[in-house]
Amino acid sequence: MEKRQARKILKEIRANVTYRTEKEDRRCAAALLLARDFSKIFVYVSMGTEVSTRGIIAALLEEKEIYVPYTLADNSMHAVRPRLPMDFVVCGMGNVKSDNNIYYDGQADLIITPLLGFDSNCNRLGYGAGCYDRYFEKYPNGIKAGLAFSEQQCEISLESSDFPLDMIITPDGIIRRNNG
């Protein structure tokens, strides 16, 4: 299946997930357990039907260095510290207000990424702009984790510019990439 068609279908699947709140609560708990071992965490700010990160961010802001994406018109993505208290109001390109848009130019220990689909080996289907793949190329050493509903698992056709994730956190558990 062509990626554009797959994205359309997966957006619909994600929008129609049943028992969403319960599933998001289970996934949030798993993500928080994972995050306790890291100090610098880069996490997307959820929009629309994306898996919610609001509870994760709110729980971690007090004790961890949290960074969120700031995407420019050229689709380059940078890490910024969110303005506190974080109001979760997103503006163009999904950006939140940050303190002076000062970019953090270091490696986050844990990178939590959105996705539309994933496969059993933690390959990710994103939105098609390549923002996260370019970010992973620039900062390759952080643990890359995707948040998803189990219903988003599918076959993924890879391109040379695609970066696999290290794990996918679903309500049913954590899927880890086979490095073998």
C-alpha atoms as a PDB file:
ATOM      1  CA  MET A   1       0.000   0.000   0.000  1.00  0.00           C
ATOM      2  CA  GLU A   2       1.241   3.485  -0.829  1.00  0.00           C
ATOM      3  CA  LYS A   3       2.331   5.516   2.199  1.00  0.00           C
ATOM      4  CA  ARG A   4      -0.110   8.344   1.508  1.00  0.00           C
ATOM      5  CA  GLN A   5      -3.055   5.967   1.447  1.00  0.00           C
ATOM      6  CA  ALA A   6      -1.735   4.144   4.531  1.00  0.00           C
ATOM      7  CA  ARG A   7      -1.527   7.464   6.426  1.00  0.00           C
ATOM      8  CA  LYS A   8      -5.140   8.273   5.595  1.00  0.00           C
ATOM      9  CA  ILE A   9      -6.356   4.850   6.766  1.00  0.00           C
ATOM     10  CA  LEU A  10      -4.230   4.921   9.928  1.00  0.00           C
ATOM     11  CA  LYS A  11      -5.474   8.398  10.876  1.00  0.00           C
ATOM     12  CA  GLU A  12      -9.016   7.051  10.669  1.00  0.00           C
ATOM     13  CA  ILE A  13      -8.129   3.958  12.708  1.00  0.00           C
ATOM     14  CA  ARG A  14      -6.478   6.113  15.384  1.00  0.00           C
ATOM     15  CA  ALA A  15      -9.440   8.486  15.517  1.00  0.00           C
ATOM     16  CA  ASN A  16     -11.835   5.585  16.093  1.00  0.00           C
ATOM     17  CA  VAL A  17      -9.959   3.650  18.780  1.00  0.00           C
ATOM     18  CA  THR A  18     -12.377   2.286  21.378  1.00  0.00           C
ATOM     19  CA  TYR A  19     -11.789   2.631  25.142  1.00  0.00           C
ATOM     20  CA  ARG A  20      -9.350   5.440  24.343  1.00  0.00           C
ATOM     21  CA  THR A  21      -9.100   6.948  27.840  1.00  0.00           C
ATOM     22  CA  GLU A  22      -8.360   3.618  29.512  1.00  0.00           C
ATOM     23  CA  LYS A  23      -5.775   2.756  26.872  1.00  0.00           C
ATOM     24  CA  GLU A  24      -4.102   6.167  27.169  1.00  0.00           C
ATOM     25  CA  ASP A  25      -3.950   5.810  30.962  1.00  0.00           C
ATOM     26  CA  ARG A  26      -2.175   2.438  30.668  1.00  0.00           C
ATOM     27  CA  ARG A  27       0.268   3.762  28.109  1.00  0.00           C
ATOM     28  CA  CYS A  28       0.930   6.908  30.184  1.00  0.00           C
ATOM     29  CA  ALA A  29       1.797   4.744  33.195  1.00  0.00           C
ATOM     30  CA  ALA A  30       4.215   2.669  31.100  1.00  0.00           C
ATOM     31  CA  ALA A  31       5.852   5.797  29.650  1.00  0.00           C
ATOM     32  CA  LEU A  32       6.290   7.317  33.121  1.00  0.00           C
ATOM     33  CA  LEU A  33       7.936   4.118  34.381  1.00  0.00           C
ATOM     34  CA  LEU A  34      10.309   4.218  31.420  1.00  0.00           C
ATOM     35  CA  ALA A  35      11.053   7.947  31.865  1.00  0.00           C
ATOM     36  CA  ARG A  36      12.198   7.593  35.473  1.00  0.00           C
ATOM     37  CA  ASP A  37      15.570   6.300  34.223  1.00  0.00           C
ATOM     38  CA  PHE A  38      16.276   9.379  32.078  1.00  0.00           C
ATOM     39  CA  SER A  39      17.041  13.012  32.911  1.00  0.00           C
ATOM     40  CA  LYS A  40      16.629  14.844  29.562  1.00  0.00           C
ATOM     41  CA  ILE A  41      13.413  13.945  27.784  1.00  0.00           C
ATOM     42  CA  PHE A  42      12.200  15.223  24.415  1.00  0.00           C
ATOM     43  CA  VAL A  43       8.468  14.605  24.016  1.00  0.00           C
ATOM     44  CA  TYR A  44       5.952  15.693  21.407  1.00  0.00           C
ATOM     45  CA  VAL A  45       2.946  17.761  22.416  1.00  0.00           C
ATOM     46  CA  SER A  46      -0.088  15.816  21.250  1.00  0.00           C
ATOM     47  CA  MET A  47      -2.657  17.333  18.911  1.00  0.00           C
ATOM     48  CA  GLY A  48      -5.946  16.076  17.564  1.00  0.00           C
ATOM     49  CA  THR A  49      -6.218  12.288  17.720  1.00  0.00           C
ATOM     50  CA  GLU A  50      -2.525  11.713  18.486  1.00  0.00           C
ATOM     51  CA  VAL A  51      -1.818   9.649  21.561  1.00  0.00           C
ATOM     52  CA  SER A  52      -2.021  12.161  24.398  1.00  0.00           C
ATOM     53  CA  THR A  53       1.231  13.264  26.028  1.00  0.00           C
ATOM     54  CA  ARG A  54      -0.298  15.889  28.311  1.00  0.00           C
ATOM     55  CA  GLY A  55      -0.310  13.654  31.409  1.00  0.00           C
ATOM     56  CA  ILE A  56       3.238  12.485  30.721  1.00  0.00           C
ATOM     57  CA  ILE A  57       4.559  16.028  30.305  1.00  0.00           C
ATOM     58  CA  ALA A  58       2.690  17.362  33.336  1.00  0.00           C
ATOM     59  CA  ALA A  59       4.006  14.540  35.545  1.00  0.00           C
ATOM     60  CA  LEU A  60       7.609  14.967  34.403  1.00  0.00           C
ATOM     61  CA  LEU A  61       7.933  18.778  34.328  1.00  0.00           C
ATOM     62  CA  GLU A  62       8.726  18.993  38.044  1.00  0.00           C
ATOM     63  CA  GLU A  63      11.523  16.450  38.140  1.00  0.00           C
ATOM     64  CA  LYS A  64      13.045  16.150  34.648  1.00  0.00           C
ATOM     65  CA  GLU A  65      14.470  18.394  31.938  1.00  0.00           C
ATOM     66  CA  ILE A  66      11.631  18.373  29.424  1.00  0.00           C
ATOM     67  CA  TYR A  67      11.985  19.555  25.839  1.00  0.00           C
ATOM     68  CA  VAL A  68       9.289  19.781  23.194  1.00  0.00           C
ATOM     69  CA  PRO A  69       9.539  20.118  19.406  1.00  0.00           C
ATOM     70  CA  TYR A  70       9.648  23.501  17.743  1.00  0.00           C
ATOM     71  CA  THR A  71       9.238  23.054  14.003  1.00  0.00           C
ATOM     72  CA  LEU A  72      10.151  25.774  11.514  1.00  0.00           C
ATOM     73  CA  ALA A  73       8.555  26.423   8.116  1.00  0.00           C
ATOM     74  CA  ASP A  74      11.340  24.429   6.408  1.00  0.00           C
ATOM     75  CA  ASN A  75      10.329  21.371   8.521  1.00  0.00           C
ATOM     76  CA  SER A  76      13.517  21.524  10.578  1.00  0.00           C
ATOM     77  CA  MET A  77      12.762  20.588  14.152  1.00  0.00           C
ATOM     78  CA  HIS A  78      14.468  21.829  17.296  1.00  0.00           C
ATOM     79  CA  ALA A  79      14.111  21.056  20.990  1.00  0.00           C
ATOM     80  CA  VAL A  80      12.942  23.901  23.244  1.00  0.00           C
ATOM     81  CA  ARG A  81      12.045  24.152  26.924  1.00  0.00           C
ATOM     82  CA  PRO A  82       8.312  24.825  27.254  1.00  0.00           C
ATOM     83  CA  ARG A  83       7.222  27.974  29.028  1.00  0.00           C
ATOM     84  CA  LEU A  84       6.004  27.217  32.527  1.00  0.00           C
ATOM     85  CA  PRO A  85       3.333  26.753  33.506  1.00  0.00           C
ATOM     86  CA  MET A  86       2.748  24.880  30.281  1.00  0.00           C
ATOM     87  CA  ASP A  87      -0.641  25.718  28.834  1.00  0.00           C
ATOM     88  CA  PHE A  88      -0.523  23.152  25.983  1.00  0.00           C
ATOM     89  CA  VAL A  89      -1.811  25.723  23.498  1.00  0.00           C
ATOM     90  CA  VAL A  90      -0.318  24.875  20.162  1.00  0.00           C
ATOM     91  CA  CYS A  91       0.132  27.351  17.352  1.00  0.00           C
ATOM     92  CA  GLY A  92       1.306  26.921  13.769  1.00  0.00           C
ATOM     93  CA  MET A  93       3.324  23.768  13.001  1.00  0.00           C
ATOM     94  CA  GLY A  94       2.187  22.266  16.337  1.00  0.00           C
ATOM     95  CA  ASN A  95       4.495  24.483  18.369  1.00  0.00           C
ATOM     96  CA  VAL A  96       3.895  25.496  21.968  1.00  0.00           C
ATOM     97  CA  LYS A  97       5.059  28.740  23.500  1.00  0.00           C
ATOM     98  CA  SER A  98       8.567  28.459  24.867  1.00  0.00           C
ATOM     99  CA  ASP A  99      10.920  30.758  26.695  1.00  0.00           C
ATOM    100  CA  ASN A 100      12.506  32.865  23.954  1.00  0.00           C
ATOM    101  CA  ASN A 101      12.633  29.867  21.581  1.00  0.00           C
ATOM    102  CA  ILE A 102      16.151  29.055  22.733  1.00  0.00           C
ATOM    103  CA  TYR A 103      17.021  25.780  21.076  1.00  0.00           C
ATOM    104  CA  TYR A 104      18.569  22.990  23.093  1.00  0.00           C
ATOM    105  CA  ASP A 105      21.376  21.704  20.921  1.00  0.00           C
ATOM    106  CA  GLY A 106      22.183  18.573  22.886  1.00  0.00           C
ATOM    107  CA  GLN A 107      21.193  14.951  22.970  1.00  0.00           C
ATOM    108  CA  ALA A 108      18.062  14.019  24.883  1.00  0.00           C
ATOM    109  CA  ASP A 109      18.298  10.702  26.732  1.00  0.00           C
ATOM    110  CA  LEU A 110      14.765   9.724  25.707  1.00  0.00           C
ATOM    111  CA  ILE A 111      12.851  10.911  22.633  1.00  0.00           C
ATOM    112  CA  ILE A 112       9.108  10.236  22.614  1.00  0.00           C
ATOM    113  CA  THR A 113       7.694  10.526  19.127  1.00  0.00           C
ATOM    114  CA  PRO A 114       4.240  10.488  17.537  1.00  0.00           C
ATOM    115  CA  LEU A 115       3.401   8.056  14.773  1.00  0.00           C
ATOM    116  CA  LEU A 116       0.593   6.919  12.546  1.00  0.00           C
ATOM    117  CA  GLY A 117       1.666   3.304  12.223  1.00  0.00           C
ATOM    118  CA  PHE A 118       4.333   0.864  13.340  1.00  0.00           C
ATOM    119  CA  ASP A 119       5.426  -2.689  12.683  1.00  0.00           C
ATOM    120  CA  SER A 120       6.676  -5.504  14.907  1.00  0.00           C
ATOM    121  CA  ASN A 121      10.300  -4.373  14.470  1.00  0.00           C
ATOM    122  CA  CYS A 122       9.570  -0.793  15.621  1.00  0.00           C
ATOM    123  CA  ASN A 123       9.653   0.816  12.206  1.00  0.00           C
ATOM    124  CA  ARG A 124       7.548   3.952  12.240  1.00  0.00           C
ATOM    125  CA  LEU A 125       5.200   5.556   9.731  1.00  0.00           C
ATOM    126  CA  GLY A 126       5.078   9.270  10.463  1.00  0.00           C
ATOM    127  CA  TYR A 127       3.305  12.144   8.774  1.00  0.00           C
ATOM    128  CA  GLY A 128       5.618  12.284   5.762  1.00  0.00           C
ATOM    129  CA  ALA A 129       7.551  15.518   6.323  1.00  0.00           C
ATOM    130  CA  GLY A 130      10.656  13.759   7.680  1.00  0.00           C
ATOM    131  CA  CYS A 131      10.982  16.041  10.724  1.00  0.00           C
ATOM    132  CA  TYR A 132      11.655  13.244  13.201  1.00  0.00           C
ATOM    133  CA  ASP A 133      13.916  11.246  10.859  1.00  0.00           C
ATOM    134  CA  ARG A 134      16.128  14.310  10.366  1.00  0.00           C
ATOM    135  CA  TYR A 135      16.104  14.918  14.122  1.00  0.00           C
ATOM    136  CA  PHE A 136      17.109  11.282  14.769  1.00  0.00           C
ATOM    137  CA  GLU A 137      19.921  11.642  12.238  1.00  0.00           C
ATOM    138  CA  LYS A 138      21.240  14.743  14.023  1.00  0.00           C
ATOM    139  CA  TYR A 139      20.822  13.205  17.527  1.00  0.00           C
ATOM    140  CA  PRO A 140      21.235   9.440  17.068  1.00  0.00           C
ATOM    141  CA  ASN A 141      22.069   8.365  20.608  1.00  0.00           C
ATOM    142  CA  GLY A 142      18.845   8.897  22.525  1.00  0.00           C
ATOM    143  CA  ILE A 143      16.385   6.085  23.108  1.00  0.00           C
ATOM    144  CA  LYS A 144      13.617   6.548  20.553  1.00  0.00           C
ATOM    145  CA  ALA A 145      10.153   5.533  21.773  1.00  0.00           C
ATOM    146  CA  GLY A 146       6.846   5.811  19.952  1.00  0.00           C
ATOM    147  CA  LEU A 147       3.431   6.037  21.589  1.00  0.00           C
ATOM    148  CA  ALA A 148       0.673   4.148  19.815  1.00  0.00           C
ATOM    149  CA  PHE A 149      -2.505   2.195  20.120  1.00  0.00           C
ATOM    150  CA  SER A 150      -2.155  -1.508  19.280  1.00  0.00           C
ATOM    151  CA  GLU A 151      -4.641  -0.915  16.457  1.00  0.00           C
ATOM    152  CA  GLN A 152      -1.973   1.143  14.642  1.00  0.00           C
ATOM    153  CA  GLN A 153       0.280  -1.878  14.008  1.00  0.00           C
ATOM    154  CA  CYS A 154       0.640  -2.543  10.286  1.00  0.00           C
ATOM    155  CA  GLU A 155       3.148  -3.392   7.577  1.00  0.00           C
ATOM    156  CA  ILE A 156       5.639  -0.579   6.938  1.00  0.00           C
ATOM    157  CA  SER A 157       7.568  -0.091   3.694  1.00  0.00           C
ATOM    158  CA  LEU A 158      10.868   1.570   4.538  1.00  0.00           C
ATOM    159  CA  GLU A 159      12.873   4.179   2.724  1.00  0.00           C
ATOM    160  CA  SER A 160      16.595   4.791   3.201  1.00  0.00           C
ATOM    161  CA  SER A 161      15.874   7.969   5.201  1.00  0.00           C
ATOM    162  CA  ASP A 162      13.619   6.179   7.738  1.00  0.00           C
ATOM    163  CA  PHE A 163      14.955   5.593  11.247  1.00  0.00           C
ATOM    164  CA  PRO A 164      13.537   2.727  13.310  1.00  0.00           C
ATOM    165  CA  LEU A 165      12.506   3.345  16.898  1.00  0.00           C
ATOM    166  CA  ASP A 166      13.953   1.435  19.826  1.00  0.00           C
ATOM    167  CA  MET A 167      10.520   0.694  21.237  1.00  0.00           C
ATOM    168  CA  ILE A 168       6.804   1.272  20.832  1.00  0.00           C
ATOM    169  CA  ILE A 169       4.706   1.802  23.962  1.00  0.00           C
ATOM    170  CA  THR A 170       1.162   0.503  23.542  1.00  0.00           C
ATOM    171  CA  PRO A 171      -1.604  -0.104  26.095  1.00  0.00           C
ATOM    172  CA  ASP A 172      -0.812  -3.816  25.781  1.00  0.00           C
ATOM    173  CA  GLY A 173       2.890  -3.452  26.589  1.00  0.00           C
ATOM    174  CA  ILE A 174       6.228  -2.361  25.193  1.00  0.00           C
ATOM    175  CA  ILE A 175       7.438  -3.701  21.850  1.00  0.00           C
ATOM    176  CA  ARG A 176      11.228  -3.601  21.559  1.00  0.00           C
ATOM    177  CA  ARG A 177      13.191  -3.571  18.330  1.00  0.00           C
ATOM    178  CA  ASN A 178      15.029  -6.753  17.453  1.00  0.00           C
ATOM    179  CA  ASN A 179      18.619  -5.629  16.917  1.00  0.00           C
ATOM    180  CA  GLY A 180      19.693  -9.076  15.729  1.00  0.00           C
END
